[in-house]
Protein backbone atom coordinates (compact mmCIF):
# COMPACT_ATOMS: atom_id res chain seq x y z
CA MET A 1 -17.31 26.90 82.91
CA MET A 2 -15.01 24.45 81.38
CA GLY A 3 -15.75 24.77 77.25
CA TRP A 4 -16.31 22.44 74.40
CA TYR A 5 -14.41 19.88 75.60
CA GLY A 6 -15.50 19.67 79.26
CA ASP A 7 -12.59 19.29 81.55
CA GLY A 8 -9.77 20.59 79.58
CA GLY A 9 -8.79 18.17 77.37
CA TRP A 10 -8.49 20.01 74.08
CA TRP A 11 -4.99 19.56 73.42
CA VAL A 12 -6.05 16.44 72.83
CA GLY A 13 -7.93 17.16 69.82
CA MET A 14 -5.47 19.56 69.02
CA ILE A 15 -2.36 17.18 68.52
CA ALA A 16 -4.77 14.74 66.90
CA MET A 17 -5.57 17.70 64.29
CA VAL A 18 -1.73 18.71 63.55
CA LEU A 19 -1.06 14.86 63.21
CA PHE A 20 -4.03 14.74 60.55
CA TRP A 21 -2.34 17.36 58.90
CA VAL A 22 1.29 16.15 58.86
CA VAL A 23 0.37 12.86 57.43
CA VAL A 24 -1.78 14.56 54.94
CA ILE A 25 0.82 17.01 53.90
CA GLY A 26 3.30 14.00 53.87
CA ALA A 27 1.32 11.43 51.84
CA ILE A 28 1.05 14.82 48.96
CA VAL A 29 5.37 14.66 49.38
CA TRP A 30 5.63 11.43 48.81
CA ALA A 31 3.42 11.34 46.19
CA VAL A 32 4.81 14.63 43.99
CA VAL A 33 8.13 13.12 44.41
CA ARG A 34 7.43 9.30 43.62
CA LEU A 35 5.22 10.49 40.36
CA THR A 36 8.18 13.23 39.34
CA ASN A 37 11.16 11.06 39.22
CA ARG A 38 12.67 9.67 36.44
CA PRO A 39 14.45 6.57 35.98
CA GLN A 40 18.24 6.63 35.83
CA PRO A 41 19.57 5.27 32.73
CA PRO A 42 21.52 2.24 33.36
CA ALA A 43 25.38 1.99 34.01
CA THR A 44 26.58 0.09 31.37
CA GLN A 45 25.36 2.30 28.79
CA ALA A 46 26.93 5.84 30.26
CA ALA A 47 30.49 6.21 29.97
CA PRO A 48 32.42 7.24 32.56
CA ALA A 49 33.76 10.75 32.67
CA GLY A 50 36.94 11.05 30.92
CA ASP A 51 37.29 8.07 28.85
CA SER A 52 38.64 8.14 25.11
CA PRO A 53 36.60 7.69 22.02
CA ARG A 54 38.58 4.43 21.79
CA GLU A 55 38.00 3.18 25.33
CA ILE A 56 34.13 3.88 24.33
CA LEU A 57 34.34 1.95 21.49
CA ASP A 58 36.32 -0.60 22.92
CA ARG A 59 33.68 -1.42 25.45
CA ARG A 60 30.61 -1.18 23.05
CA PHE A 61 32.44 -3.78 21.34
CA ALA A 62 32.67 -5.54 23.81
CA ALA A 63 29.43 -5.32 24.85
CA GLY A 64 28.18 -6.69 21.96
CA GLU A 65 26.67 -3.06 20.62
CA LEU A 66 29.19 -3.16 17.43
CA ASN A 67 29.49 -6.11 15.22
CA GLU A 68 33.03 -6.28 14.07
CA GLN A 69 32.81 -4.69 10.87
CA GLN A 70 31.11 -1.52 12.40
CA TYR A 71 34.03 -1.51 15.14
CA LEU A 72 36.58 -1.62 12.32
CA GLU A 73 34.41 1.23 10.49
CA ALA A 74 34.59 3.52 13.98
CA ARG A 75 38.17 2.57 14.64
CA ARG A 76 39.46 3.71 11.56
CA LEU A 77 37.34 6.71 11.14
CA LEU A 78 38.75 7.45 14.84
CA GLU A 79 42.11 7.61 13.94
CA LEU A 80 42.01 9.51 10.84
CA ASP A 81 40.33 12.12 12.44
CA PRO A 82 42.84 14.19 14.32
CA THR A 83 40.98 16.14 16.85
CA THR A 84 40.57 13.01 18.81
CA THR A 85 42.63 12.00 21.01
CA GLN A 86 44.06 8.88 22.39
CA ARG A 87 45.89 7.96 25.75
């Protein structure tokens, strides 16, 4: 008796089944990663590590996030605060 698949070609069915499940599991993993991936903040908003408060303030003023009055007030406050370190 040759079995269900006739001439012993059962391995073709097994390979097809394995490929089917690899594709299904791959699609599930891709969908989960795609749906849970959170966008990173733009590089312009994140300050590089190690910058002093004054450098961060200067960068924000140069980028137009602060007007002149806000910049001068923040700079005055930084100069009064003994806990801020200047480089």
